[in-house]
């Protein structure tokens, strides 16, 4: 039992290593009551295109979970930007004209969330799909629609490594192998941590 506990500790120690953890918060990040956010599809850089929608949906779920935010229906927000001629993975507020800002406000949005996913990597052992290694890299930011200011931004890159494992399955019965977290689980962890950080720094007017 003690040996197993030691292996669990090692897994937690080496399986959740943070590579990048950056956060910037504006002193103007203040809201009254519940904040309303429109979330755009995240930009994918060197990753499958469908991940952009997946990350945006996961952020929406986590933000609603906090009971601090209302999330505008993403299809409505997407249609608005398409009608205005903008890409759904808009990087900056500077490109938004007054008409688009007014339209977002009419949807009830106070903030716009956008970002990018750069890595979603996972390596498994061929013969048994044992997860050997995973890494995920995400950036996100919240923009005040009224002022155009980026009031919160974060960059996270996390990896997870298996314990006592390699490309070929070990034949030793003395080694207890512990898998790395899947890339999906690492992504979930990053999004939850980012949203928790937003709530932590959410100041009331």
N, C-alpha and C. Protein backbone atom coordinates (compact mmCIF):
# COMPACT_ATOMS: atom_id res chain seq x y z
N UNK A 1 0.83 -1.21 0.00
CA UNK A 1 0.00 0.00 0.00
C UNK A 1 0.86 1.26 0.00
N UNK A 2 1.95 1.23 0.80
CA UNK A 2 2.83 2.39 0.83
C UNK A 2 3.49 2.62 -0.52
N UNK A 3 3.89 1.51 -1.17
CA UNK A 3 4.51 1.63 -2.48
C UNK A 3 3.55 2.23 -3.50
N UNK A 4 2.30 1.80 -3.46
CA UNK A 4 1.28 2.33 -4.38
C UNK A 4 1.05 3.81 -4.12
N UNK A 5 1.00 4.20 -2.85
CA UNK A 5 0.82 5.62 -2.51
C UNK A 5 1.98 6.45 -3.04
N UNK A 6 3.19 5.88 -2.97
CA UNK A 6 4.36 6.59 -3.49
C UNK A 6 4.24 6.80 -4.98
N UNK A 7 3.78 5.78 -5.70
CA UNK A 7 3.63 5.91 -7.14
C UNK A 7 2.57 6.96 -7.51
N UNK A 8 1.49 7.00 -6.75
CA UNK A 8 0.45 8.00 -6.99
C UNK A 8 1.03 9.40 -6.82
N UNK A 9 1.82 9.57 -5.75
CA UNK A 9 2.45 10.88 -5.50
C UNK A 9 3.37 11.27 -6.65
N UNK A 10 4.15 10.32 -7.14
CA UNK A 10 5.06 10.60 -8.25
C UNK A 10 4.28 10.98 -9.50
N UNK A 11 3.16 10.30 -9.71
CA UNK A 11 2.33 10.61 -10.88
C UNK A 11 1.81 12.02 -10.83
N UNK A 12 1.35 12.41 -9.66
CA UNK A 12 0.83 13.77 -9.51
C UNK A 12 1.93 14.80 -9.67
N UNK A 13 3.11 14.43 -9.20
CA UNK A 13 4.23 15.36 -9.25
C UNK A 13 4.72 15.57 -10.67
N UNK A 14 4.85 14.47 -11.44
CA UNK A 14 5.42 14.57 -12.77
C UNK A 14 4.36 14.58 -13.86
N UNK A 15 3.14 14.22 -13.52
CA UNK A 15 2.11 14.14 -14.55
C UNK A 15 1.37 15.43 -14.77
N UNK A 16 1.64 16.46 -13.99
CA UNK A 16 0.89 17.70 -14.11
C UNK A 16 1.84 18.90 -14.14
N UNK A 17 2.96 18.75 -14.82
CA UNK A 17 3.93 19.82 -14.82
C UNK A 17 3.48 21.00 -15.65
N UNK A 18 3.52 22.22 -15.08
CA UNK A 18 3.17 23.43 -15.81
C UNK A 18 4.39 23.91 -16.58
N UNK A 19 4.22 24.18 -17.87
CA UNK A 19 5.30 24.72 -18.68
C UNK A 19 5.18 26.23 -18.82
N UNK A 20 3.96 26.70 -19.03
CA UNK A 20 3.69 28.14 -19.13
C UNK A 20 2.44 28.45 -18.33
N UNK A 21 2.51 29.50 -17.54
CA UNK A 21 1.34 29.92 -16.76
C UNK A 21 1.41 31.44 -16.60
N UNK A 22 0.82 32.15 -17.56
CA UNK A 22 0.85 33.60 -17.56
C UNK A 22 -0.56 34.17 -17.48
N UNK A 23 -0.72 35.20 -16.67
CA UNK A 23 -2.01 35.87 -16.54
C UNK A 23 -1.78 37.37 -16.44
N UNK A 24 -2.62 38.13 -17.14
CA UNK A 24 -2.59 39.58 -17.04
C UNK A 24 -4.01 40.08 -16.81
N UNK A 25 -4.16 40.97 -15.84
CA UNK A 25 -5.47 41.50 -15.48
C UNK A 25 -5.42 43.02 -15.45
N UNK A 26 -6.42 43.64 -16.05
CA UNK A 26 -6.52 45.09 -16.01
C UNK A 26 -7.22 45.53 -14.72
N UNK A 27 -6.83 46.67 -14.19
CA UNK A 27 -7.50 47.23 -13.03
C UNK A 27 -8.94 47.62 -13.36
N UNK A 28 -9.24 47.72 -14.65
CA UNK A 28 -10.59 48.10 -15.07
C UNK A 28 -11.53 46.91 -15.24
N UNK A 29 -11.05 45.72 -14.88
CA UNK A 29 -11.89 44.53 -15.00
C UNK A 29 -12.86 44.49 -13.83
N UNK A 30 -13.95 45.20 -13.99
CA UNK A 30 -14.97 45.28 -12.95
C UNK A 30 -16.35 45.12 -13.58
N UNK A 31 -17.22 44.42 -12.90
CA UNK A 31 -18.56 44.21 -13.42
C UNK A 31 -19.59 44.48 -12.33
N UNK A 32 -20.80 44.68 -12.79
CA UNK A 32 -21.91 44.85 -11.85
C UNK A 32 -22.88 43.69 -12.04
N UNK A 33 -23.12 42.95 -10.99
CA UNK A 33 -23.99 41.79 -11.10
C UNK A 33 -23.33 40.67 -11.87
N UNK A 34 -24.05 40.11 -12.83
CA UNK A 34 -23.55 39.00 -13.64
C UNK A 34 -23.05 39.52 -14.98
N UNK A 35 -21.86 39.11 -15.36
CA UNK A 35 -21.27 39.56 -16.63
C UNK A 35 -21.80 38.68 -17.78
N UNK A 36 -22.01 39.31 -18.92
CA UNK A 36 -22.50 38.60 -20.11
C UNK A 36 -21.40 38.59 -21.17
N UNK A 37 -21.11 37.39 -21.69
CA UNK A 37 -19.97 37.20 -22.58
C UNK A 37 -20.41 36.55 -23.89
N UNK A 38 -19.84 37.05 -24.98
CA UNK A 38 -19.95 36.37 -26.28
C UNK A 38 -18.62 35.68 -26.52
N UNK A 39 -18.66 34.39 -26.84
CA UNK A 39 -17.44 33.61 -27.05
C UNK A 39 -17.31 33.27 -28.53
N UNK A 40 -16.20 33.70 -29.11
CA UNK A 40 -15.95 33.38 -30.51
C UNK A 40 -15.19 32.06 -30.62
N UNK A 41 -15.24 31.46 -31.79
CA UNK A 41 -14.51 30.23 -32.02
C UNK A 41 -13.01 30.49 -31.88
N UNK A 42 -12.33 29.67 -31.09
CA UNK A 42 -10.91 29.85 -30.89
C UNK A 42 -10.14 29.53 -32.17
N UNK A 43 -9.09 30.29 -32.41
CA UNK A 43 -8.25 30.07 -33.58
C UNK A 43 -7.40 28.83 -33.36
N UNK A 44 -7.27 28.00 -34.39
CA UNK A 44 -6.43 26.81 -34.31
C UNK A 44 -5.14 27.07 -35.08
N UNK A 45 -4.02 26.81 -34.41
CA UNK A 45 -2.70 27.03 -35.02
C UNK A 45 -1.94 25.70 -34.99
N UNK A 46 -1.86 25.05 -36.13
CA UNK A 46 -1.19 23.75 -36.19
C UNK A 46 -1.95 22.65 -35.49
N UNK A 47 -3.22 22.85 -35.25
CA UNK A 47 -4.07 21.84 -34.61
C UNK A 47 -5.33 21.65 -35.46
N UNK A 48 -6.05 20.52 -35.30
CA UNK A 48 -7.26 20.29 -36.09
C UNK A 48 -8.27 21.41 -35.92
N UNK A 49 -8.92 21.78 -37.02
CA UNK A 49 -9.83 22.93 -37.03
C UNK A 49 -10.98 22.77 -36.03
N UNK A 50 -11.48 21.54 -35.86
CA UNK A 50 -12.63 21.33 -34.99
C UNK A 50 -12.35 21.66 -33.53
N UNK A 51 -11.07 21.71 -33.16
CA UNK A 51 -10.72 22.02 -31.77
C UNK A 51 -11.13 23.43 -31.38
N UNK A 52 -11.19 24.35 -32.36
CA UNK A 52 -11.58 25.72 -32.05
C UNK A 52 -12.98 25.79 -31.46
N UNK A 53 -13.91 25.07 -32.07
CA UNK A 53 -15.28 25.02 -31.54
C UNK A 53 -15.33 24.30 -30.21
N UNK A 54 -14.56 23.22 -30.09
CA UNK A 54 -14.57 22.45 -28.85
C UNK A 54 -14.10 23.29 -27.66
N UNK A 55 -13.01 24.03 -27.86
CA UNK A 55 -12.48 24.87 -26.78
C UNK A 55 -13.49 25.94 -26.39
N UNK A 56 -14.13 26.56 -27.40
CA UNK A 56 -15.12 27.60 -27.11
C UNK A 56 -16.29 27.05 -26.32
N UNK A 57 -16.76 25.85 -26.69
CA UNK A 57 -17.88 25.23 -25.98
C UNK A 57 -17.49 24.88 -24.54
N UNK A 58 -16.27 24.39 -24.36
CA UNK A 58 -15.82 24.05 -23.01
C UNK A 58 -15.73 25.31 -22.14
N UNK A 59 -15.25 26.41 -22.70
CA UNK A 59 -15.22 27.66 -21.94
C UNK A 59 -16.63 28.10 -21.57
N UNK A 60 -17.57 27.98 -22.50
CA UNK A 60 -18.95 28.37 -22.22
C UNK A 60 -19.51 27.58 -21.04
N UNK A 61 -19.29 26.28 -21.04
CA UNK A 61 -19.80 25.42 -19.96
C UNK A 61 -19.19 25.82 -18.62
N UNK A 62 -17.87 26.04 -18.61
CA UNK A 62 -17.19 26.38 -17.35
C UNK A 62 -17.60 27.76 -16.85
N UNK A 63 -17.78 28.71 -17.75
CA UNK A 63 -18.18 30.06 -17.33
C UNK A 63 -19.59 30.05 -16.73
N UNK A 64 -20.49 29.31 -17.34
CA UNK A 64 -21.85 29.22 -16.81
C UNK A 64 -21.84 28.52 -15.45
N UNK A 65 -20.97 27.53 -15.30
CA UNK A 65 -20.87 26.78 -14.05
C UNK A 65 -20.60 27.68 -12.84
N UNK A 66 -19.89 28.77 -13.05
CA UNK A 66 -19.50 29.64 -11.95
C UNK A 66 -20.67 30.47 -11.39
N UNK A 67 -21.75 30.57 -12.15
CA UNK A 67 -22.89 31.43 -11.79
C UNK A 67 -22.52 32.91 -11.75
N UNK A 68 -21.39 33.25 -12.34
CA UNK A 68 -20.95 34.65 -12.41
C UNK A 68 -21.13 35.23 -13.81
N UNK A 69 -21.45 34.36 -14.77
CA UNK A 69 -21.49 34.79 -16.16
C UNK A 69 -22.72 34.23 -16.88
N UNK A 70 -23.19 35.00 -17.83
CA UNK A 70 -24.15 34.53 -18.82
C UNK A 70 -23.42 34.50 -20.16
N UNK A 71 -23.64 33.45 -20.92
CA UNK A 71 -22.96 33.30 -22.20
C UNK A 71 -23.97 33.44 -23.33
N UNK A 72 -23.69 34.37 -24.25
CA UNK A 72 -24.53 34.58 -25.41
C UNK A 72 -24.48 33.35 -26.31
N UNK A 73 -25.62 32.98 -26.87
CA UNK A 73 -25.66 31.84 -27.78
C UNK A 73 -24.60 32.02 -28.87
N UNK A 74 -23.71 31.03 -29.00
CA UNK A 74 -22.57 31.17 -29.89
C UNK A 74 -22.98 31.25 -31.35
N UNK A 75 -24.07 30.63 -31.72
CA UNK A 75 -24.52 30.69 -33.10
C UNK A 75 -24.96 32.10 -33.46
N UNK A 76 -25.62 32.78 -32.50
CA UNK A 76 -26.02 34.17 -32.74
C UNK A 76 -24.81 35.07 -32.91
N UNK A 77 -23.80 34.87 -32.05
CA UNK A 77 -22.58 35.66 -32.15
C UNK A 77 -21.85 35.39 -33.46
N UNK A 78 -21.81 34.11 -33.86
CA UNK A 78 -21.14 33.75 -35.11
C UNK A 78 -21.82 34.40 -36.32
N UNK A 79 -23.16 34.35 -36.32
CA UNK A 79 -23.91 34.94 -37.42
C UNK A 79 -23.68 36.45 -37.49
N UNK A 80 -23.62 37.07 -36.34
CA UNK A 80 -23.40 38.52 -36.30
C UNK A 80 -22.07 38.88 -36.96
N UNK A 81 -21.03 38.15 -36.64
CA UNK A 81 -19.73 38.45 -37.21
C UNK A 81 -19.65 38.11 -38.69
N UNK A 82 -20.33 37.06 -39.09
CA UNK A 82 -20.33 36.72 -40.51
C UNK A 82 -21.05 37.79 -41.32
N UNK A 83 -22.15 38.29 -40.79
CA UNK A 83 -22.88 39.36 -41.47
C UNK A 83 -22.05 40.62 -41.56
N UNK A 84 -21.21 40.85 -40.54
CA UNK A 84 -20.37 42.05 -40.53
C UNK A 84 -19.09 41.87 -41.34
N UNK A 85 -18.83 40.62 -41.79
CA UNK A 85 -17.66 40.38 -42.60
C UNK A 85 -16.41 40.07 -41.81
N UNK A 86 -16.55 39.69 -40.53
CA UNK A 86 -15.39 39.36 -39.70
C UNK A 86 -15.27 37.86 -39.54
N UNK A 87 -14.04 37.41 -39.28
CA UNK A 87 -13.80 36.00 -38.99
C UNK A 87 -14.23 35.70 -37.56
N UNK A 88 -14.70 34.47 -37.33
CA UNK A 88 -15.18 34.12 -36.00
C UNK A 88 -14.06 33.98 -34.99
N UNK A 89 -12.80 33.92 -35.45
CA UNK A 89 -11.69 33.83 -34.51
C UNK A 89 -10.95 35.16 -34.42
N UNK A 90 -11.70 36.24 -34.48
CA UNK A 90 -11.15 37.60 -34.42
C UNK A 90 -10.13 37.74 -33.30
N UNK A 91 -8.98 38.31 -33.58
CA UNK A 91 -7.89 38.40 -32.61
C UNK A 91 -7.93 39.67 -31.79
N UNK A 92 -8.42 40.75 -32.34
CA UNK A 92 -8.38 42.02 -31.61
C UNK A 92 -9.71 42.75 -31.76
N UNK A 93 -9.97 43.63 -30.79
CA UNK A 93 -11.17 44.45 -30.87
C UNK A 93 -10.98 45.63 -31.81
N UNK A 94 -9.74 45.94 -32.15
CA UNK A 94 -9.48 47.13 -32.95
C UNK A 94 -10.18 47.10 -34.29
N UNK A 95 -10.49 45.89 -34.81
CA UNK A 95 -11.11 45.76 -36.12
C UNK A 95 -12.62 45.92 -36.07
N UNK A 96 -13.19 46.00 -34.90
CA UNK A 96 -14.64 46.11 -34.78
C UNK A 96 -15.09 47.55 -35.01
N UNK A 97 -16.06 47.71 -35.87
CA UNK A 97 -16.61 49.04 -36.06
C UNK A 97 -17.76 49.27 -35.08
N UNK A 98 -18.25 50.48 -35.04
CA UNK A 98 -19.30 50.83 -34.07
C UNK A 98 -20.57 50.02 -34.31
N UNK A 99 -20.88 49.73 -35.57
CA UNK A 99 -22.09 48.98 -35.87
C UNK A 99 -22.03 47.59 -35.24
N UNK A 100 -20.86 46.96 -35.36
CA UNK A 100 -20.71 45.62 -34.79
C UNK A 100 -20.77 45.67 -33.27
N UNK A 101 -20.14 46.69 -32.69
CA UNK A 101 -20.20 46.85 -31.23
C UNK A 101 -21.64 47.00 -30.76
N UNK A 102 -22.39 47.83 -31.50
CA UNK A 102 -23.81 48.05 -31.14
C UNK A 102 -24.58 46.74 -31.24
N UNK A 103 -24.31 45.96 -32.27
CA UNK A 103 -25.00 44.68 -32.44
C UNK A 103 -24.69 43.72 -31.30
N UNK A 104 -23.42 43.68 -30.87
CA UNK A 104 -23.04 42.84 -29.74
C UNK A 104 -23.75 43.28 -28.47
N UNK A 105 -23.84 44.58 -28.29
CA UNK A 105 -24.53 45.10 -27.10
C UNK A 105 -26.01 44.75 -27.15
N UNK A 106 -26.58 44.76 -28.36
CA UNK A 106 -28.00 44.40 -28.48
C UNK A 106 -28.23 42.94 -28.12
N UNK A 107 -27.21 42.11 -28.32
CA UNK A 107 -27.29 40.72 -27.87
C UNK A 107 -27.14 40.62 -26.36
N UNK A 108 -26.73 41.71 -25.73
CA UNK A 108 -26.55 41.73 -24.29
C UNK A 108 -25.13 41.51 -23.83
N UNK A 109 -24.20 41.42 -24.79
CA UNK A 109 -22.82 41.10 -24.43
C UNK A 109 -22.08 42.32 -23.89
N UNK A 110 -21.38 42.11 -22.79
CA UNK A 110 -20.49 43.13 -22.22
C UNK A 110 -19.04 42.83 -22.54
N UNK A 111 -18.74 41.54 -22.68
CA UNK A 111 -17.37 41.12 -22.94
C UNK A 111 -17.33 40.15 -24.12
N UNK A 112 -16.19 40.13 -24.78
CA UNK A 112 -15.94 39.22 -25.87
C UNK A 112 -14.76 38.34 -25.49
N UNK A 113 -14.92 37.03 -25.63
CA UNK A 113 -13.81 36.11 -25.36
C UNK A 113 -13.33 35.51 -26.67
N UNK A 114 -12.01 35.51 -26.83
CA UNK A 114 -11.40 34.89 -27.99
C UNK A 114 -10.05 34.32 -27.57
N UNK A 115 -9.42 33.58 -28.45
CA UNK A 115 -8.13 32.99 -28.10
C UNK A 115 -7.67 32.01 -29.15
N UNK A 116 -6.63 31.26 -28.83
CA UNK A 116 -6.03 30.32 -29.77
C UNK A 116 -5.63 29.04 -29.05
N UNK A 117 -5.60 27.94 -29.80
CA UNK A 117 -5.06 26.68 -29.30
C UNK A 117 -3.91 26.28 -30.23
N UNK A 118 -2.71 26.17 -29.65
CA UNK A 118 -1.50 25.94 -30.41
C UNK A 118 -1.07 24.48 -30.41
N UNK A 119 -1.28 23.79 -29.31
CA UNK A 119 -0.87 22.39 -29.21
C UNK A 119 -2.00 21.56 -28.62
N UNK A 120 -2.17 20.39 -29.17
CA UNK A 120 -3.07 19.38 -28.61
C UNK A 120 -2.46 18.04 -28.99
N UNK A 121 -1.39 17.71 -28.30
CA UNK A 121 -0.58 16.55 -28.66
C UNK A 121 -0.75 15.42 -27.65
N UNK A 122 -0.74 14.21 -28.17
CA UNK A 122 -0.87 13.04 -27.31
C UNK A 122 -0.11 11.87 -27.95
N UNK A 123 0.69 11.17 -27.16
CA UNK A 123 1.41 10.02 -27.65
C UNK A 123 1.00 8.79 -26.85
N UNK A 124 0.62 7.73 -27.56
CA UNK A 124 0.18 6.51 -26.91
C UNK A 124 1.07 5.34 -27.34
N UNK A 125 1.11 4.36 -26.46
CA UNK A 125 1.81 3.13 -26.80
C UNK A 125 0.94 2.34 -27.77
N UNK A 126 1.54 1.83 -28.82
CA UNK A 126 0.79 1.24 -29.92
C UNK A 126 -0.07 0.05 -29.50
N UNK A 127 0.51 -0.85 -28.73
CA UNK A 127 -0.17 -2.13 -28.52
C UNK A 127 -1.34 -2.07 -27.53
N UNK A 128 -1.38 -1.06 -26.65
CA UNK A 128 -2.47 -1.03 -25.67
C UNK A 128 -3.06 0.35 -25.45
N UNK A 129 -2.70 1.34 -26.29
CA UNK A 129 -3.24 2.71 -26.19
C UNK A 129 -2.95 3.37 -24.85
N UNK A 130 -1.94 2.90 -24.17
CA UNK A 130 -1.51 3.50 -22.91
C UNK A 130 -0.95 4.90 -23.21
N UNK A 131 -1.47 5.93 -22.51
CA UNK A 131 -1.06 7.31 -22.79
C UNK A 131 0.32 7.56 -22.17
N UNK A 132 1.29 7.82 -23.02
CA UNK A 132 2.66 8.05 -22.57
C UNK A 132 2.93 9.53 -22.28
N UNK A 133 2.32 10.39 -23.07
CA UNK A 133 2.65 11.82 -22.96
C UNK A 133 1.55 12.65 -23.62
N UNK A 134 1.27 13.82 -23.06
CA UNK A 134 0.33 14.75 -23.68
C UNK A 134 0.76 16.17 -23.37
N UNK A 135 0.41 17.07 -24.27
CA UNK A 135 0.71 18.49 -24.07
C UNK A 135 -0.36 19.33 -24.76
N UNK A 136 -0.80 20.39 -24.07
CA UNK A 136 -1.81 21.30 -24.60
C UNK A 136 -1.36 22.74 -24.33
N UNK A 137 -1.55 23.61 -25.31
CA UNK A 137 -1.14 25.01 -25.21
C UNK A 137 -2.30 25.89 -25.68
N UNK A 138 -2.82 26.72 -24.77
CA UNK A 138 -3.99 27.55 -25.05
C UNK A 138 -3.75 28.99 -24.60
N UNK A 139 -4.23 29.95 -25.39
CA UNK A 139 -4.28 31.35 -24.95
C UNK A 139 -5.73 31.80 -24.99
N UNK A 140 -6.09 32.73 -24.11
CA UNK A 140 -7.45 33.25 -24.07
C UNK A 140 -7.43 34.68 -23.56
N UNK A 141 -8.43 35.46 -23.97
CA UNK A 141 -8.52 36.83 -23.46
C UNK A 141 -9.97 37.30 -23.46
N UNK A 142 -10.24 38.20 -22.54
CA UNK A 142 -11.54 38.85 -22.43
C UNK A 142 -11.38 40.32 -22.82
N UNK A 143 -12.28 40.78 -23.69
CA UNK A 143 -12.21 42.15 -24.18
C UNK A 143 -13.49 42.88 -23.80
N UNK A 144 -13.33 44.05 -23.24
CA UNK A 144 -14.47 44.90 -22.92
C UNK A 144 -15.02 45.48 -24.22
N UNK A 145 -16.26 45.16 -24.56
CA UNK A 145 -16.83 45.58 -25.83
C UNK A 145 -16.97 47.09 -25.91
N UNK A 146 -17.28 47.73 -24.80
CA UNK A 146 -17.47 49.19 -24.78
C UNK A 146 -16.17 49.93 -25.05
N UNK A 147 -15.09 49.50 -24.40
CA UNK A 147 -13.83 50.25 -24.48
C UNK A 147 -12.81 49.62 -25.42
N UNK A 148 -12.97 48.34 -25.74
CA UNK A 148 -12.00 47.65 -26.58
C UNK A 148 -10.78 47.18 -25.81
N UNK A 149 -10.76 47.36 -24.49
CA UNK A 149 -9.60 47.00 -23.69
C UNK A 149 -9.59 45.50 -23.39
N UNK A 150 -8.40 44.89 -23.49
CA UNK A 150 -8.23 43.51 -23.03
C UNK A 150 -8.10 43.55 -21.51
N UNK A 151 -9.14 43.10 -20.81
CA UNK A 151 -9.16 43.23 -19.36
C UNK A 151 -8.61 42.00 -18.64
N UNK A 152 -8.54 40.90 -19.36
CA UNK A 152 -7.95 39.67 -18.78
C UNK A 152 -7.38 38.85 -19.92
N UNK A 153 -6.19 38.30 -19.71
CA UNK A 153 -5.62 37.40 -20.71
C UNK A 153 -4.78 36.35 -19.99
N UNK A 154 -4.68 35.19 -20.61
CA UNK A 154 -3.93 34.10 -19.99
C UNK A 154 -3.33 33.21 -21.07
N UNK A 155 -2.19 32.64 -20.75
CA UNK A 155 -1.55 31.65 -21.60
C UNK A 155 -1.14 30.48 -20.73
N UNK A 156 -1.59 29.28 -21.12
CA UNK A 156 -1.23 28.08 -20.37
C UNK A 156 -0.73 27.00 -21.32
N UNK A 157 0.38 26.40 -20.95
CA UNK A 157 0.84 25.20 -21.63
C UNK A 157 1.16 24.17 -20.54
N UNK A 158 0.50 23.04 -20.62
CA UNK A 158 0.68 21.98 -19.63
C UNK A 158 1.00 20.68 -20.33
N UNK A 159 1.81 19.87 -19.67
CA UNK A 159 2.04 18.53 -20.19
C UNK A 159 1.85 17.50 -19.08
N UNK A 160 1.73 16.27 -19.48
CA UNK A 160 1.56 15.17 -18.54
C UNK A 160 2.37 13.99 -19.06
N UNK A 161 3.09 13.34 -18.15
CA UNK A 161 3.97 12.23 -18.53
C UNK A 161 3.63 10.98 -17.73
N UNK A 162 3.71 9.86 -18.39
CA UNK A 162 3.48 8.58 -17.71
C UNK A 162 4.64 8.27 -16.78
N UNK A 163 4.36 7.42 -15.80
CA UNK A 163 5.38 6.98 -14.84
C UNK A 163 5.71 5.51 -15.10
N UNK A 164 7.01 5.20 -15.14
CA UNK A 164 7.49 3.83 -15.35
C UNK A 164 6.97 3.22 -16.64
N UNK A 165 6.98 4.02 -17.71
CA UNK A 165 6.48 3.52 -18.99
C UNK A 165 7.33 4.08 -20.11
N UNK A 166 7.34 3.35 -21.23
CA UNK A 166 8.03 3.83 -22.42
C UNK A 166 7.27 3.33 -23.65
N UNK A 167 7.89 3.47 -24.81
CA UNK A 167 7.20 3.12 -26.06
C UNK A 167 6.80 1.65 -26.10
N UNK A 168 7.63 0.78 -25.50
CA UNK A 168 7.33 -0.65 -25.46
C UNK A 168 6.92 -1.05 -24.06
N UNK A 169 5.86 -1.81 -23.97
CA UNK A 169 5.33 -2.21 -22.67
C UNK A 169 6.36 -3.01 -21.89
N UNK A 170 6.56 -2.63 -20.64
CA UNK A 170 7.53 -3.32 -19.80
C UNK A 170 7.04 -4.71 -19.43
N UNK A 171 7.98 -5.66 -19.40
CA UNK A 171 7.63 -7.03 -19.02
C UNK A 171 7.84 -7.28 -17.52
N UNK A 172 8.36 -6.29 -16.83
CA UNK A 172 8.64 -6.45 -15.41
C UNK A 172 7.36 -6.31 -14.61
N UNK A 173 7.12 -7.25 -13.73
CA UNK A 173 5.94 -7.19 -12.88
C UNK A 173 6.19 -6.32 -11.65
N UNK A 174 7.43 -5.90 -11.45
CA UNK A 174 7.78 -5.11 -10.27
C UNK A 174 7.47 -3.62 -10.47
N UNK A 175 7.29 -3.22 -11.72
CA UNK A 175 7.01 -1.82 -12.02
C UNK A 175 5.51 -1.59 -12.14
N UNK A 176 5.04 -0.57 -11.47
CA UNK A 176 3.64 -0.17 -11.60
C UNK A 176 3.59 1.01 -12.56
N UNK A 177 2.96 0.83 -13.69
CA UNK A 177 2.86 1.88 -14.68
C UNK A 177 1.65 2.76 -14.41
N UNK A 178 1.85 4.05 -14.50
CA UNK A 178 0.75 5.00 -14.35
C UNK A 178 0.69 5.87 -15.60
N UNK A 179 -0.46 5.91 -16.27
CA UNK A 179 -0.54 6.65 -17.54
C UNK A 179 -0.52 8.16 -17.34
N UNK A 180 -0.13 8.84 -18.39
CA UNK A 180 -0.26 10.30 -18.41
C UNK A 180 -1.74 10.65 -18.59
N UNK A 181 -2.08 11.87 -18.28
CA UNK A 181 -3.43 12.34 -18.57
C UNK A 181 -3.60 12.44 -20.09
N UNK A 182 -4.79 12.20 -20.56
CA UNK A 182 -5.06 12.40 -21.98
C UNK A 182 -5.00 13.88 -22.31
N UNK A 183 -4.79 14.21 -23.59
CA UNK A 183 -4.78 15.61 -24.00
C UNK A 183 -6.13 16.26 -23.71
N UNK A 184 -7.20 15.49 -23.84
CA UNK A 184 -8.55 16.02 -23.55
C UNK A 184 -8.66 16.43 -22.09
N UNK A 185 -8.12 15.61 -21.18
CA UNK A 185 -8.18 15.92 -19.76
C UNK A 185 -7.29 17.12 -19.43
N UNK A 186 -6.12 17.20 -20.05
CA UNK A 186 -5.24 18.36 -19.83
C UNK A 186 -5.94 19.63 -20.31
N UNK A 187 -6.62 19.55 -21.45
CA UNK A 187 -7.37 20.71 -21.96
C UNK A 187 -8.46 21.12 -20.97
N UNK A 188 -9.20 20.14 -20.44
CA UNK A 188 -10.23 20.44 -19.45
C UNK A 188 -9.63 21.14 -18.23
N UNK A 189 -8.49 20.65 -17.78
CA UNK A 189 -7.83 21.25 -16.61
C UNK A 189 -7.45 22.70 -16.88
N UNK A 190 -6.89 22.95 -18.06
CA UNK A 190 -6.47 24.31 -18.40
C UNK A 190 -7.65 25.26 -18.42
N UNK A 191 -8.74 24.84 -19.06
CA UNK A 191 -9.92 25.72 -19.16
C UNK A 191 -10.52 25.99 -17.78
N UNK A 192 -10.62 24.95 -16.95
CA UNK A 192 -11.15 25.13 -15.59
C UNK A 192 -10.28 26.10 -14.80
N UNK A 193 -8.96 25.94 -14.90
CA UNK A 193 -8.04 26.82 -14.17
C UNK A 193 -8.13 28.25 -14.67
N UNK A 194 -8.28 28.44 -15.97
CA UNK A 194 -8.41 29.78 -16.53
C UNK A 194 -9.69 30.45 -16.04
N UNK A 195 -10.80 29.72 -16.08
CA UNK A 195 -12.07 30.29 -15.64
C UNK A 195 -12.04 30.59 -14.14
N UNK A 196 -11.45 29.70 -13.36
CA UNK A 196 -11.31 29.97 -11.92
C UNK A 196 -10.48 31.22 -11.68
N UNK A 197 -9.47 31.45 -12.53
CA UNK A 197 -8.65 32.64 -12.40
C UNK A 197 -9.44 33.89 -12.72
N UNK A 198 -10.31 33.81 -13.74
CA UNK A 198 -11.18 34.95 -14.08
C UNK A 198 -12.05 35.30 -12.89
N UNK A 199 -12.68 34.30 -12.30
CA UNK A 199 -13.56 34.54 -11.14
C UNK A 199 -12.78 35.13 -9.98
N UNK A 200 -11.58 34.64 -9.76
CA UNK A 200 -10.74 35.13 -8.66
C UNK A 200 -10.46 36.61 -8.79
N UNK A 201 -10.30 37.09 -10.02
CA UNK A 201 -9.93 38.49 -10.24
C UNK A 201 -11.11 39.34 -10.67
N UNK A 202 -12.31 38.79 -10.56
CA UNK A 202 -13.50 39.53 -10.96
C UNK A 202 -13.87 40.51 -9.85
N UNK A 203 -13.74 41.79 -10.11
CA UNK A 203 -14.04 42.82 -9.10
C UNK A 203 -15.43 43.40 -9.35
N UNK A 204 -16.12 43.65 -8.27
CA UNK A 204 -17.44 44.28 -8.36
C UNK A 204 -17.32 45.78 -8.36
N UNK A 205 -18.22 46.42 -9.09
CA UNK A 205 -18.22 47.89 -9.10
C UNK A 205 -18.69 48.42 -7.76
